[in-house]
Amino acid sequence: MKNILLLLTGLLLFGCQNIGSENVLVLENMEISIDTLYTSSTRFYVAGKIKNNDSEKVYAPWYIEAMFYSDSTFSTTFGGSYERMNYPLEPNVEAYWEITHSSDAIIESEYPHFAIKDLRAYVNE
């Protein structure tokens, strides 16, 4: 019963995030790069830069999200996380970003070759 409650709580929390949601406006003209990718005993960490290559300003809030996987085969997912950006991003301006992800279901340090996929920037519609 406890496992079912934990699963339902996780699904509810996951549903409150926009990971993979189609009800967002994906910012297509953003150039996203990854500079850092590592794991600790309690979390996965990924960071990089994002540049607004559009002619329009992106107004706050906007988001960067990614799905986390056990390795580059993308056959086992640990879920997704996002970072809310509380500042506007002008055209041709670059910013730094970071996303962390953790799960009570795994020991993150056991997955040193974790990978991310579906990295995107978006605004809520």
PDB file of N, CA and C in Angstrom:
ATOM      1  N   MET A   1       0.823  -1.190   0.000  1.00  0.00           N
ATOM      2  CA  MET A   1       0.000   0.000   0.000  1.00  0.00           C
ATOM      3  C   MET A   1       0.871   1.260   0.000  1.00  0.00           C
ATOM      4  N   LYS A   2       1.949   1.225   0.796  1.00  0.00           N
ATOM      5  CA  LYS A   2       2.842   2.380   0.868  1.00  0.00           C
ATOM      6  C   LYS A   2       3.466   2.659  -0.502  1.00  0.00           C
ATOM      7  N   ASN A   3       3.860   1.602  -1.218  1.00  0.00           N
ATOM      8  CA  ASN A   3       4.446   1.776  -2.552  1.00  0.00           C
ATOM      9  C   ASN A   3       3.453   2.394  -3.530  1.00  0.00           C
ATOM     10  N   ILE A   4       2.194   1.993  -3.426  1.00  0.00           N
ATOM     11  CA  ILE A   4       1.161   2.548  -4.301  1.00  0.00           C
ATOM     12  C   ILE A   4       0.976   4.035  -4.016  1.00  0.00           C
ATOM     13  N   LEU A   5       0.957   4.404  -2.726  1.00  0.00           N
ATOM     14  CA  LEU A   5       0.824   5.813  -2.365  1.00  0.00           C
ATOM     15  C   LEU A   5       2.021   6.626  -2.867  1.00  0.00           C
ATOM     16  N   LEU A   6       3.223   6.066  -2.743  1.00  0.00           N
ATOM     17  CA  LEU A   6       4.404   6.761  -3.253  1.00  0.00           C
ATOM     18  C   LEU A   6       4.333   6.933  -4.765  1.00  0.00           C
ATOM     19  N   LEU A   7       3.891   5.891  -5.467  1.00  0.00           N
ATOM     20  CA  LEU A   7       3.754   5.962  -6.914  1.00  0.00           C
ATOM     21  C   LEU A   7       2.728   7.015  -7.312  1.00  0.00           C
ATOM     22  N   LEU A   8       1.580   7.028  -6.656  1.00  0.00           N
ATOM     23  CA  LEU A   8       0.539   8.010  -6.964  1.00  0.00           C
ATOM     24  C   LEU A   8       1.003   9.430  -6.658  1.00  0.00           C
ATOM     25  N   THR A   9       1.718   9.607  -5.552  1.00  0.00           N
ATOM     26  CA  THR A   9       2.262  10.918  -5.225  1.00  0.00           C
ATOM     27  C   THR A   9       3.253  11.359  -6.287  1.00  0.00           C
ATOM     28  N   GLY A  10       4.111  10.451  -6.711  1.00  0.00           N
ATOM     29  CA  GLY A  10       5.079  10.766  -7.760  1.00  0.00           C
ATOM     30  C   GLY A  10       4.401  11.136  -9.064  1.00  0.00           C
ATOM     31  N   LEU A  11       3.372  10.391  -9.436  1.00  0.00           N
ATOM     32  CA  LEU A  11       2.636  10.696 -10.663  1.00  0.00           C
ATOM     33  C   LEU A  11       1.938  12.043 -10.562  1.00  0.00           C
ATOM     34  N   LEU A  12       1.392  12.342  -9.393  1.00  0.00           N
ATOM     35  CA  LEU A  12       0.733  13.623  -9.195  1.00  0.00           C
ATOM     36  C   LEU A  12       1.732  14.765  -9.311  1.00  0.00           C
ATOM     37  N   LEU A  13       2.866  14.628  -8.665  1.00  0.00           N
ATOM     38  CA  LEU A  13       3.904  15.661  -8.758  1.00  0.00           C
ATOM     39  C   LEU A  13       4.418  15.780 -10.176  1.00  0.00           C
ATOM     40  N   PHE A  14       4.616  14.660 -10.830  1.00  0.00           N
ATOM     41  CA  PHE A  14       5.087  14.672 -12.208  1.00  0.00           C
ATOM     42  C   PHE A  14       4.069  15.358 -13.106  1.00  0.00           C
ATOM     43  N   GLY A  15       2.802  15.116 -12.863  1.00  0.00           N
ATOM     44  CA  GLY A  15       1.752  15.735 -13.658  1.00  0.00           C
ATOM     45  C   GLY A  15       1.682  17.237 -13.480  1.00  0.00           C
ATOM     46  N   CYS A  16       2.160  17.762 -12.355  1.00  0.00           N
ATOM     47  CA  CYS A  16       2.142  19.204 -12.116  1.00  0.00           C
ATOM     48  C   CYS A  16       3.248  19.903 -12.891  1.00  0.00           C
ATOM     49  N   GLN A  17       4.230  19.187 -13.310  1.00  0.00           N
ATOM     50  CA  GLN A  17       5.290  19.766 -14.110  1.00  0.00           C
ATOM     51  C   GLN A  17       4.888  19.671 -15.571  1.00  0.00           C
ATOM     52  N   ASN A  18       5.625  20.340 -16.417  1.00  0.00           N
ATOM     53  CA  ASN A  18       5.293  20.335 -17.838  1.00  0.00           C
ATOM     54  C   ASN A  18       6.170  19.387 -18.636  1.00  0.00           C
ATOM     55  N   ILE A  19       6.807  18.452 -17.997  1.00  0.00           N
ATOM     56  CA  ILE A  19       7.710  17.556 -18.686  1.00  0.00           C
ATOM     57  C   ILE A  19       6.958  16.821 -19.789  1.00  0.00           C
ATOM     58  N   GLY A  20       7.346  17.098 -21.018  1.00  0.00           N
ATOM     59  CA  GLY A  20       6.755  16.432 -22.157  1.00  0.00           C
ATOM     60  C   GLY A  20       5.356  16.895 -22.513  1.00  0.00           C
ATOM     61  N   SER A  21       4.840  17.893 -21.812  1.00  0.00           N
ATOM     62  CA  SER A  21       3.485  18.362 -22.083  1.00  0.00           C
ATOM     63  C   SER A  21       3.380  18.976 -23.466  1.00  0.00           C
ATOM     64  N   GLU A  22       2.235  18.770 -24.101  1.00  0.00           N
ATOM     65  CA  GLU A  22       1.981  19.370 -25.404  1.00  0.00           C
ATOM     66  C   GLU A  22       1.283  20.717 -25.250  1.00  0.00           C
ATOM     67  N   ASN A  23       0.944  21.100 -24.028  1.00  0.00           N
ATOM     68  CA  ASN A  23       0.229  22.356 -23.775  1.00  0.00           C
ATOM     69  C   ASN A  23       1.198  23.498 -23.493  1.00  0.00           C
ATOM     70  N   VAL A  24       2.313  23.524 -24.201  1.00  0.00           N
ATOM     71  CA  VAL A  24       3.304  24.576 -24.043  1.00  0.00           C
ATOM     72  C   VAL A  24       3.709  25.093 -25.419  1.00  0.00           C
ATOM     73  N   LEU A  25       4.292  26.263 -25.438  1.00  0.00           N
ATOM     74  CA  LEU A  25       4.847  26.815 -26.666  1.00  0.00           C
ATOM     75  C   LEU A  25       6.354  26.584 -26.626  1.00  0.00           C
ATOM     76  N   VAL A  26       6.833  25.646 -27.432  1.00  0.00           N
ATOM     77  CA  VAL A  26       8.264  25.349 -27.475  1.00  0.00           C
ATOM     78  C   VAL A  26       8.970  26.502 -28.176  1.00  0.00           C
ATOM     79  N   LEU A  27      10.046  26.971 -27.577  1.00  0.00           N
ATOM     80  CA  LEU A  27      10.832  28.068 -28.136  1.00  0.00           C
ATOM     81  C   LEU A  27      11.829  27.474 -29.128  1.00  0.00           C
ATOM     82  N   GLU A  28      11.455  27.471 -30.381  1.00  0.00           N
ATOM     83  CA  GLU A  28      12.212  26.778 -31.426  1.00  0.00           C
ATOM     84  C   GLU A  28      13.557  27.431 -31.741  1.00  0.00           C
ATOM     85  N   ASN A  29      13.677  28.727 -31.557  1.00  0.00           N
ATOM     86  CA  ASN A  29      14.903  29.427 -31.957  1.00  0.00           C
ATOM     87  C   ASN A  29      15.886  29.618 -30.814  1.00  0.00           C
ATOM     88  N   MET A  30      15.885  28.676 -29.894  1.00  0.00           N
ATOM     89  CA  MET A  30      16.832  28.711 -28.781  1.00  0.00           C
ATOM     90  C   MET A  30      17.956  27.720 -29.070  1.00  0.00           C
ATOM     91  N   GLU A  31      19.171  28.157 -28.912  1.00  0.00           N
ATOM     92  CA  GLU A  31      20.344  27.300 -29.079  1.00  0.00           C
ATOM     93  C   GLU A  31      20.780  26.837 -27.693  1.00  0.00           C
ATOM     94  N   ILE A  32      20.612  25.541 -27.420  1.00  0.00           N
ATOM     95  CA  ILE A  32      20.901  24.996 -26.095  1.00  0.00           C
ATOM     96  C   ILE A  32      22.137  24.115 -26.166  1.00  0.00           C
ATOM     97  N   SER A  33      23.101  24.387 -25.292  1.00  0.00           N
ATOM     98  CA  SER A  33      24.300  23.552 -25.235  1.00  0.00           C
ATOM     99  C   SER A  33      24.484  23.030 -23.811  1.00  0.00           C
ATOM    100  N   ILE A  34      25.142  21.879 -23.711  1.00  0.00           N
ATOM    101  CA  ILE A  34      25.428  21.247 -22.421  1.00  0.00           C
ATOM    102  C   ILE A  34      26.921  21.368 -22.158  1.00  0.00           C
ATOM    103  N   ASP A  35      27.264  21.936 -21.008  1.00  0.00           N
ATOM    104  CA  ASP A  35      28.660  22.078 -20.612  1.00  0.00           C
ATOM    105  C   ASP A  35      29.067  21.095 -19.523  1.00  0.00           C
ATOM    106  N   THR A  36      28.120  20.727 -18.666  1.00  0.00           N
ATOM    107  CA  THR A  36      28.417  19.904 -17.490  1.00  0.00           C
ATOM    108  C   THR A  36      27.349  18.843 -17.335  1.00  0.00           C
ATOM    109  N   LEU A  37      27.791  17.627 -17.034  1.00  0.00           N
ATOM    110  CA  LEU A  37      26.888  16.503 -16.815  1.00  0.00           C
ATOM    111  C   LEU A  37      27.560  15.590 -15.796  1.00  0.00           C
ATOM    112  N   TYR A  38      26.977  15.474 -14.597  1.00  0.00           N
ATOM    113  CA  TYR A  38      27.572  14.578 -13.601  1.00  0.00           C
ATOM    114  C   TYR A  38      26.506  14.065 -12.650  1.00  0.00           C
ATOM    115  N   THR A  39      26.883  13.047 -11.883  1.00  0.00           N
ATOM    116  CA  THR A  39      25.994  12.482 -10.883  1.00  0.00           C
ATOM    117  C   THR A  39      26.700  12.475  -9.540  1.00  0.00           C
ATOM    118  N   SER A  40      25.913  12.606  -8.487  1.00  0.00           N
ATOM    119  CA  SER A  40      26.415  12.456  -7.124  1.00  0.00           C
ATOM    120  C   SER A  40      25.621  11.315  -6.492  1.00  0.00           C
ATOM    121  N   SER A  41      25.784  11.108  -5.208  1.00  0.00           N
ATOM    122  CA  SER A  41      25.034  10.025  -4.566  1.00  0.00           C
ATOM    123  C   SER A  41      23.558  10.360  -4.440  1.00  0.00           C
ATOM    124  N   THR A  42      23.187  11.636  -4.634  1.00  0.00           N
ATOM    125  CA  THR A  42      21.799  12.025  -4.404  1.00  0.00           C
ATOM    126  C   THR A  42      21.111  12.720  -5.572  1.00  0.00           C
ATOM    127  N   ARG A  43      21.828  13.006  -6.658  1.00  0.00           N
ATOM    128  CA  ARG A  43      21.174  13.721  -7.751  1.00  0.00           C
ATOM    129  C   ARG A  43      21.959  13.620  -9.053  1.00  0.00           C
ATOM    130  N   PHE A  44      21.244  13.868 -10.126  1.00  0.00           N
ATOM    131  CA  PHE A  44      21.850  14.066 -11.436  1.00  0.00           C
ATOM    132  C   PHE A  44      21.909  15.572 -11.664  1.00  0.00           C
ATOM    133  N   TYR A  45      22.939  16.009 -12.346  1.00  0.00           N
ATOM    134  CA  TYR A  45      23.124  17.447 -12.577  1.00  0.00           C
ATOM    135  C   TYR A  45      23.533  17.658 -14.026  1.00  0.00           C
ATOM    136  N   VAL A  46      22.877  18.592 -14.684  1.00  0.00           N
ATOM    137  CA  VAL A  46      23.239  18.966 -16.046  1.00  0.00           C
ATOM    138  C   VAL A  46      23.145  20.489 -16.137  1.00  0.00           C
ATOM    139  N   ALA A  47      24.103  21.092 -16.816  1.00  0.00           N
ATOM    140  CA  ALA A  47      24.127  22.551 -16.944  1.00  0.00           C
ATOM    141  C   ALA A  47      24.709  22.937 -18.289  1.00  0.00           C
ATOM    142  N   GLY A  48      24.405  24.134 -18.701  1.00  0.00           N
ATOM    143  CA  GLY A  48      24.934  24.625 -19.967  1.00  0.00           C
ATOM    144  C   GLY A  48      24.537  26.055 -20.224  1.00  0.00           C
ATOM    145  N   LYS A  49      24.471  26.384 -21.504  1.00  0.00           N
ATOM    146  CA  LYS A  49      24.119  27.731 -21.944  1.00  0.00           C
ATOM    147  C   LYS A  49      22.934  27.648 -22.894  1.00  0.00           C
ATOM    148  N   ILE A  50      22.196  28.732 -22.953  1.00  0.00           N
ATOM    149  CA  ILE A  50      21.092  28.855 -23.889  1.00  0.00           C
ATOM    150  C   ILE A  50      21.176  30.235 -24.515  1.00  0.00           C
ATOM    151  N   LYS A  51      20.986  30.295 -25.818  1.00  0.00           N
ATOM    152  CA  LYS A  51      21.035  31.565 -26.534  1.00  0.00           C
ATOM    153  C   LYS A  51      19.730  31.761 -27.293  1.00  0.00           C
ATOM    154  N   ASN A  52      19.191  32.950 -27.182  1.00  0.00           N
ATOM    155  CA  ASN A  52      17.965  33.304 -27.892  1.00  0.00           C
ATOM    156  C   ASN A  52      18.335  33.765 -29.296  1.00  0.00           C
ATOM    157  N   ASN A  53      18.145  32.913 -30.293  1.00  0.00           N
ATOM    158  CA  ASN A  53      18.449  33.241 -31.688  1.00  0.00           C
ATOM    159  C   ASN A  53      17.240  33.814 -32.429  1.00  0.00           C
ATOM    160  N   ASP A  54      16.196  34.129 -31.687  1.00  0.00           N
ATOM    161  CA  ASP A  54      14.996  34.702 -32.296  1.00  0.00           C
ATOM    162  C   ASP A  54      15.116  36.229 -32.318  1.00  0.00           C
ATOM    163  N   SER A  55      14.242  36.878 -33.053  1.00  0.00           N
ATOM    164  CA  SER A  55      14.237  38.344 -33.107  1.00  0.00           C
ATOM    165  C   SER A  55      13.348  38.932 -32.007  1.00  0.00           C
ATOM    166  N   GLU A  56      12.655  38.071 -31.262  1.00  0.00           N
ATOM    167  CA  GLU A  56      11.754  38.509 -30.203  1.00  0.00           C
ATOM    168  C   GLU A  56      12.313  38.163 -28.827  1.00  0.00           C
ATOM    169  N   LYS A  57      12.029  39.014 -27.861  1.00  0.00           N
ATOM    170  CA  LYS A  57      12.399  38.761 -26.468  1.00  0.00           C
ATOM    171  C   LYS A  57      11.524  37.637 -25.914  1.00  0.00           C
ATOM    172  N   VAL A  58      12.105  36.782 -25.087  1.00  0.00           N
ATOM    173  CA  VAL A  58      11.352  35.766 -24.352  1.00  0.00           C
ATOM    174  C   VAL A  58      11.082  36.349 -22.968  1.00  0.00           C
ATOM    175  N   TYR A  59       9.817  36.470 -22.621  1.00  0.00           N
ATOM    176  CA  TYR A  59       9.439  37.061 -21.342  1.00  0.00           C
ATOM    177  C   TYR A  59       9.348  36.006 -20.260  1.00  0.00           C
ATOM    178  N   ALA A  60       9.630  36.408 -19.031  1.00  0.00           N
ATOM    179  CA  ALA A  60       9.562  35.520 -17.878  1.00  0.00           C
ATOM    180  C   ALA A  60       8.106  35.251 -17.520  1.00  0.00           C
ATOM    181  N   PRO A  61       7.807  34.083 -16.978  1.00  0.00           N
ATOM    182  CA  PRO A  61       8.742  32.973 -16.799  1.00  0.00           C
ATOM    183  C   PRO A  61       8.803  32.095 -18.045  1.00  0.00           C
ATOM    184  N   TRP A  62       9.952  31.513 -18.257  1.00  0.00           N
ATOM    185  CA  TRP A  62      10.135  30.505 -19.291  1.00  0.00           C
ATOM    186  C   TRP A  62      10.894  29.362 -18.649  1.00  0.00           C
ATOM    187  N   TYR A  63      10.958  28.220 -19.315  1.00  0.00           N
ATOM    188  CA  TYR A  63      11.446  27.000 -18.687  1.00  0.00           C
ATOM    189  C   TYR A  63      12.406  26.242 -19.598  1.00  0.00           C
ATOM    190  N   ILE A  64      13.288  25.478 -18.972  1.00  0.00           N
ATOM    191  CA  ILE A  64      14.130  24.505 -19.667  1.00  0.00           C
ATOM    192  C   ILE A  64      13.858  23.163 -18.997  1.00  0.00           C
ATOM    193  N   GLU A  65      13.640  22.119 -19.795  1.00  0.00           N
ATOM    194  CA  GLU A  65      13.357  20.804 -19.228  1.00  0.00           C
ATOM    195  C   GLU A  65      14.131  19.719 -19.957  1.00  0.00           C
ATOM    196  N   ALA A  66      14.255  18.578 -19.281  1.00  0.00           N
ATOM    197  CA  ALA A  66      14.934  17.421 -19.867  1.00  0.00           C
ATOM    198  C   ALA A  66      14.411  16.152 -19.219  1.00  0.00           C
ATOM    199  N   MET A  67      14.482  15.072 -19.969  1.00  0.00           N
ATOM    200  CA  MET A  67      14.184  13.746 -19.435  1.00  0.00           C
ATOM    201  C   MET A  67      15.515  13.079 -19.103  1.00  0.00           C
ATOM    202  N   PHE A  68      15.560  12.361 -17.989  1.00  0.00           N
ATOM    203  CA  PHE A  68      16.774  11.707 -17.508  1.00  0.00           C
ATOM    204  C   PHE A  68      16.655  10.197 -17.690  1.00  0.00           C
ATOM    205  N   TYR A  69      17.736   9.580 -18.186  1.00  0.00           N
ATOM    206  CA  TYR A  69      17.762   8.143 -18.486  1.00  0.00           C
ATOM    207  C   TYR A  69      18.990   7.498 -17.852  1.00  0.00           C
ATOM    208  N   SER A  70      18.944   6.188 -17.692  1.00  0.00           N
ATOM    209  CA  SER A  70      20.046   5.464 -17.051  1.00  0.00           C
ATOM    210  C   SER A  70      21.334   5.521 -17.862  1.00  0.00           C
ATOM    211  N   ASP A  71      21.206   5.563 -19.199  1.00  0.00           N
ATOM    212  CA  ASP A  71      22.385   5.632 -20.067  1.00  0.00           C
ATOM    213  C   ASP A  71      21.953   6.075 -21.464  1.00  0.00           C
ATOM    214  N   SER A  72      22.887   6.077 -22.388  1.00  0.00           N
ATOM    215  CA  SER A  72      22.617   6.610 -23.730  1.00  0.00           C
ATOM    216  C   SER A  72      21.768   5.692 -24.614  1.00  0.00           C
ATOM    217  N   THR A  73      21.345   4.531 -24.091  1.00  0.00           N
ATOM    218  CA  THR A  73      20.410   3.697 -24.860  1.00  0.00           C
ATOM    219  C   THR A  73      18.979   4.227 -24.712  1.00  0.00           C
ATOM    220  N   PHE A  74      18.752   5.068 -23.727  1.00  0.00           N
ATOM    221  CA  PHE A  74      17.443   5.669 -23.448  1.00  0.00           C
ATOM    222  C   PHE A  74      16.357   4.621 -23.249  1.00  0.00           C
ATOM    223  N   SER A  75      16.720   3.475 -22.663  1.00  0.00           N
ATOM    224  CA  SER A  75      15.747   2.400 -22.459  1.00  0.00           C
ATOM    225  C   SER A  75      15.140   2.409 -21.060  1.00  0.00           C
ATOM    226  N   THR A  76      15.768   3.096 -20.103  1.00  0.00           N
ATOM    227  CA  THR A  76      15.223   3.206 -18.750  1.00  0.00           C
ATOM    228  C   THR A  76      15.215   4.672 -18.348  1.00  0.00           C
ATOM    229  N   THR A  77      14.025   5.195 -18.069  1.00  0.00           N
ATOM    230  CA  THR A  77      13.919   6.601 -17.691  1.00  0.00           C
ATOM    231  C   THR A  77      13.757   6.755 -16.185  1.00  0.00           C
ATOM    232  N   PHE A  78      14.290   7.842 -15.680  1.00  0.00           N
ATOM    233  CA  PHE A  78      14.123   8.200 -14.270  1.00  0.00           C
ATOM    234  C   PHE A  78      13.146   9.356 -14.116  1.00  0.00           C
ATOM    235  N   GLY A  79      12.591   9.825 -15.219  1.00  0.00           N
ATOM    236  CA  GLY A  79      11.661  10.938 -15.170  1.00  0.00           C
ATOM    237  C   GLY A  79      12.314  12.208 -15.674  1.00  0.00           C
ATOM    238  N   GLY A  80      11.630  13.303 -15.487  1.00  0.00           N
ATOM    239  CA  GLY A  80      12.120  14.566 -15.996  1.00  0.00           C
ATOM    240  C   GLY A  80      12.134  15.641 -14.935  1.00  0.00           C
ATOM    241  N   SER A  81      12.841  16.699 -15.238  1.00  0.00           N
ATOM    242  CA  SER A  81      12.904  17.869 -14.370  1.00  0.00           C
ATOM    243  C   SER A  81      12.994  19.108 -15.228  1.00  0.00           C
ATOM    244  N   TYR A  82      12.702  20.228 -14.603  1.00  0.00           N
ATOM    245  CA  TYR A  82      12.771  21.488 -15.318  1.00  0.00           C
ATOM    246  C   TYR A  82      13.306  22.580 -14.402  1.00  0.00           C
ATOM    247  N   GLU A  83      13.710  23.665 -15.007  1.00  0.00           N
ATOM    248  CA  GLU A  83      14.157  24.849 -14.276  1.00  0.00           C
ATOM    249  C   GLU A  83      13.357  26.039 -14.775  1.00  0.00           C
ATOM    250  N   ARG A  84      12.784  26.781 -13.860  1.00  0.00           N
ATOM    251  CA  ARG A  84      12.029  27.988 -14.198  1.00  0.00           C
ATOM    252  C   ARG A  84      12.998  29.163 -14.259  1.00  0.00           C
ATOM    253  N   MET A  85      12.946  29.906 -15.349  1.00  0.00           N
ATOM    254  CA  MET A  85      13.794  31.076 -15.535  1.00  0.00           C
ATOM    255  C   MET A  85      12.936  32.312 -15.274  1.00  0.00           C
ATOM    256  N   ASN A  86      13.301  33.091 -14.284  1.00  0.00           N
ATOM    257  CA  ASN A  86      12.493  34.224 -13.847  1.00  0.00           C
ATOM    258  C   ASN A  86      13.007  35.557 -14.366  1.00  0.00           C
ATOM    259  N   TYR A  87      13.557  35.549 -15.550  1.00  0.00           N
ATOM    260  CA  TYR A  87      14.049  36.778 -16.169  1.00  0.00           C
ATOM    261  C   TYR A  87      13.812  36.679 -17.674  1.00  0.00           C
ATOM    262  N   PRO A  88      13.690  37.817 -18.352  1.00  0.00           N
ATOM    263  CA  PRO A  88      13.523  37.772 -19.808  1.00  0.00           C
ATOM    264  C   PRO A  88      14.850  37.462 -20.488  1.00  0.00           C
ATOM    265  N   LEU A  89      14.762  36.978 -21.714  1.00  0.00           N
ATOM    266  CA  LEU A  89      15.965  36.718 -22.503  1.00  0.00           C
ATOM    267  C   LEU A  89      15.828  37.451 -23.835  1.00  0.00           C
ATOM    268  N   GLU A  90      16.654  38.473 -23.994  1.00  0.00           N
ATOM    269  CA  GLU A  90      16.637  39.315 -25.188  1.00  0.00           C
ATOM    270  C   GLU A  90      17.174  38.542 -26.400  1.00  0.00           C
ATOM    271  N   PRO A  91      16.850  39.002 -27.609  1.00  0.00           N
ATOM    272  CA  PRO A  91      17.423  38.392 -28.816  1.00  0.00           C
ATOM    273  C   PRO A  91      18.955  38.457 -28.796  1.00  0.00           C
ATOM    274  N   ASN A  92      19.580  37.385 -29.243  1.00  0.00           N
ATOM    275  CA  ASN A  92      21.041  37.266 -29.331  1.00  0.00           C
ATOM    276  C   ASN A  92      21.751  37.351 -27.992  1.00  0.00           C
ATOM    277  N   VAL A  93      21.039  37.071 -26.908  1.00  0.00           N
ATOM    278  CA  VAL A  93      21.627  37.062 -25.575  1.00  0.00           C
ATOM    279  C   VAL A  93      21.714  35.618 -25.099  1.00  0.00           C
ATOM    280  N   GLU A  94      22.803  35.313 -24.406  1.00  0.00           N
ATOM    281  CA  GLU A  94      23.061  33.977 -23.881  1.00  0.00           C
ATOM    282  C   GLU A  94      22.900  33.984 -22.365  1.00  0.00           C
ATOM    283  N   ALA A  95      22.419  32.873 -21.812  1.00  0.00           N
ATOM    284  CA  ALA A  95      22.268  32.727 -20.366  1.00  0.00           C
ATOM    285  C   ALA A  95      22.735  31.335 -19.955  1.00  0.00           C
ATOM    286  N   TYR A  96      23.053  31.195 -18.692  1.00  0.00           N
ATOM    287  CA  TYR A  96      23.419  29.898 -18.137  1.00  0.00           C
ATOM    288  C   TYR A  96      22.198  29.253 -17.518  1.00  0.00           C
ATOM    289  N   TRP A  97      22.156  27.915 -17.553  1.00  0.00           N
ATOM    290  CA  TRP A  97      21.047  27.167 -16.966  1.00  0.00           C
ATOM    291  C   TRP A  97      21.589  25.924 -16.288  1.00  0.00           C
ATOM    292  N   GLU A  98      20.790  25.351 -15.391  1.00  0.00           N
ATOM    293  CA  GLU A  98      21.112  24.062 -14.771  1.00  0.00           C
ATOM    294  C   GLU A  98      19.820  23.372 -14.371  1.00  0.00           C
ATOM    295  N   ILE A  99      19.838  22.060 -14.467  1.00  0.00           N
ATOM    296  CA  ILE A  99      18.705  21.241 -14.055  1.00  0.00           C
ATOM    297  C   ILE A  99      19.255  20.094 -13.210  1.00  0.00           C
ATOM    298  N   THR A 100      18.604  19.835 -12.092  1.00  0.00           N
ATOM    299  CA  THR A 100      18.961  18.674 -11.284  1.00  0.00           C
ATOM    300  C   THR A 100      17.752  17.750 -11.213  1.00  0.00           C
ATOM    301  N   HIS A 101      18.037  16.487 -10.974  1.00  0.00           N
ATOM    302  CA  HIS A 101      16.959  15.502 -10.853  1.00  0.00           C
ATOM    303  C   HIS A 101      17.375  14.464  -9.822  1.00  0.00           C
ATOM    304  N   SER A 102      16.430  14.083  -8.973  1.00  0.00           N
ATOM    305  CA  SER A 102      16.694  13.022  -8.005  1.00  0.00           C
ATOM    306  C   SER A 102      15.435  12.184  -7.838  1.00  0.00           C
ATOM    307  N   SER A 103      15.637  10.987  -7.330  1.00  0.00           N
ATOM    308  CA  SER A 103      14.529  10.066  -7.130  1.00  0.00           C
ATOM    309  C   SER A 103      14.806   9.211  -5.901  1.00  0.00           C
ATOM    310  N   ASP A 104      13.789   9.019  -5.092  1.00  0.00           N
ATOM    311  CA  ASP A 104      13.923   8.131  -3.935  1.00  0.00           C
ATOM    312  C   ASP A 104      14.004   6.668  -4.350  1.00  0.00           C
ATOM    313  N   ALA A 105      13.683   6.375  -5.600  1.00  0.00           N
ATOM    314  CA  ALA A 105      13.640   4.992  -6.078  1.00  0.00           C
ATOM    315  C   ALA A 105      15.000   4.448  -6.494  1.00  0.00           C
ATOM    316  N   ILE A 106      15.993   5.335  -6.653  1.00  0.00           N
ATOM    317  CA  ILE A 106      17.310   4.882  -7.123  1.00  0.00           C
ATOM    318  C   ILE A 106      18.423   5.545  -6.323  1.00  0.00           C
ATOM    319  N   ILE A 107      19.612   4.989  -6.481  1.00  0.00           N
ATOM    320  CA  ILE A 107      20.826   5.622  -5.957  1.00  0.00           C
ATOM    321  C   ILE A 107      21.536   6.197  -7.175  1.00  0.00           C
ATOM    322  N   GLU A 108      21.504   7.497  -7.305  1.00  0.00           N
ATOM    323  CA  GLU A 108      21.975   8.156  -8.512  1.00  0.00           C
ATOM    324  C   GLU A 108      23.426   7.826  -8.851  1.00  0.00           C
ATOM    325  N   SER A 109      24.271   7.642  -7.847  1.00  0.00           N
ATOM    326  CA  SER A 109      25.686   7.352  -8.108  1.00  0.00           C
ATOM    327  C   SER A 109      25.897   6.011  -8.805  1.00  0.00           C
ATOM    328  N   GLU A 110      24.886   5.148  -8.816  1.00  0.00           N
ATOM    329  CA  GLU A 110      24.983   3.870  -9.522  1.00  0.00           C
ATOM    330  C   GLU A 110      24.788   4.032 -11.031  1.00  0.00           C
ATOM    331  N   TYR A 111      24.533   5.255 -11.479  1.00  0.00           N
ATOM    332  CA  TYR A 111      24.311   5.532 -12.900  1.00  0.00           C
ATOM    333  C   TYR A 111      25.229   6.658 -13.374  1.00  0.00           C
ATOM    334  N   PRO A 112      26.546   6.423 -13.336  1.00  0.00           N
ATOM    335  CA  PRO A 112      27.489   7.484 -13.712  1.00  0.00           C
ATOM    336  C   PRO A 112      27.439   7.854 -15.192  1.00  0.00           C
ATOM    337  N   HIS A 113      26.852   6.988 -16.002  1.00  0.00           N
ATOM    338  CA  HIS A 113      26.773   7.254 -17.441  1.00  0.00           C
ATOM    339  C   HIS A 113      25.348   7.628 -17.854  1.00  0.00           C
ATOM    340  N   PHE A 114      24.624   8.273 -16.922  1.00  0.00           N
ATOM    341  CA  PHE A 114      23.255   8.677 -17.236  1.00  0.00           C
ATOM    342  C   PHE A 114      23.260   9.621 -18.435  1.00  0.00           C
ATOM    343  N   ALA A 115      22.103   9.750 -19.051  1.00  0.00           N
ATOM    344  CA  ALA A 115      21.982  10.611 -20.234  1.00  0.00           C
ATOM    345  C   ALA A 115      20.689  11.403 -20.135  1.00  0.00           C
ATOM    346  N   ILE A 116      20.649  12.493 -20.881  1.00  0.00           N
ATOM    347  CA  ILE A 116      19.417  13.254 -20.958  1.00  0.00           C
ATOM    348  C   ILE A 116      18.942  13.298 -22.404  1.00  0.00           C
ATOM    349  N   LYS A 117      17.659  13.541 -22.554  1.00  0.00           N
ATOM    350  CA  LYS A 117      17.043  13.588 -23.870  1.00  0.00           C
ATOM    351  C   LYS A 117      15.871  14.568 -23.779  1.00  0.00           C
ATOM    352  N   ASP A 118      15.393  14.994 -24.913  1.00  0.00           N
ATOM    353  CA  ASP A 118      14.246  15.890 -24.973  1.00  0.00           C
ATOM    354  C   ASP A 118      14.490  17.201 -24.230  1.00  0.00           C
ATOM    355  N   LEU A 119      15.694  17.712 -24.348  1.00  0.00           N
ATOM    356  CA  LEU A 119      16.038  19.002 -23.774  1.00  0.00           C
ATOM    357  C   LEU A 119      15.359  20.083 -24.609  1.00  0.00           C
ATOM    358  N   ARG A 120      14.571  20.946 -23.953  1.00  0.00           N
ATOM    359  CA  ARG A 120      13.871  21.983 -24.689  1.00  0.00           C
ATOM    360  C   ARG A 120      13.587  23.185 -23.792  1.00  0.00           C
ATOM    361  N   ALA A 121      13.356  24.324 -24.426  1.00  0.00           N
ATOM    362  CA  ALA A 121      12.922  25.542 -23.745  1.00  0.00           C
ATOM    363  C   ALA A 121      11.496  25.819 -24.173  1.00  0.00           C
ATOM    364  N   TYR A 122      10.678  26.337 -23.254  1.00  0.00           N
ATOM    365  CA  TYR A 122       9.278  26.585 -23.570  1.00  0.00           C
ATOM    366  C   TYR A 122       8.694  27.656 -22.662  1.00  0.00           C
ATOM    367  N   VAL A 123       7.516  28.135 -23.038  1.00  0.00           N
ATOM    368  CA  VAL A 123       6.690  28.977 -22.176  1.00  0.00           C
ATOM    369  C   VAL A 123       5.326  28.315 -22.091  1.00  0.00           C
ATOM    370  N   ASN A 124       4.640  28.530 -20.985  1.00  0.00           N
ATOM    371  CA  ASN A 124       3.283  27.994 -20.857  1.00  0.00           C
ATOM    372  C   ASN A 124       2.334  28.799 -21.717  1.00  0.00           C
ATOM    373  N   GLU A 125       1.431  28.098 -22.384  1.00  0.00           N
ATOM    374  CA  GLU A 125       0.437  28.783 -23.227  1.00  0.00           C
ATOM    375  C   GLU A 125      -0.726  29.266 -22.390  1.00  0.00           C
TER     376      GLU A 125
END
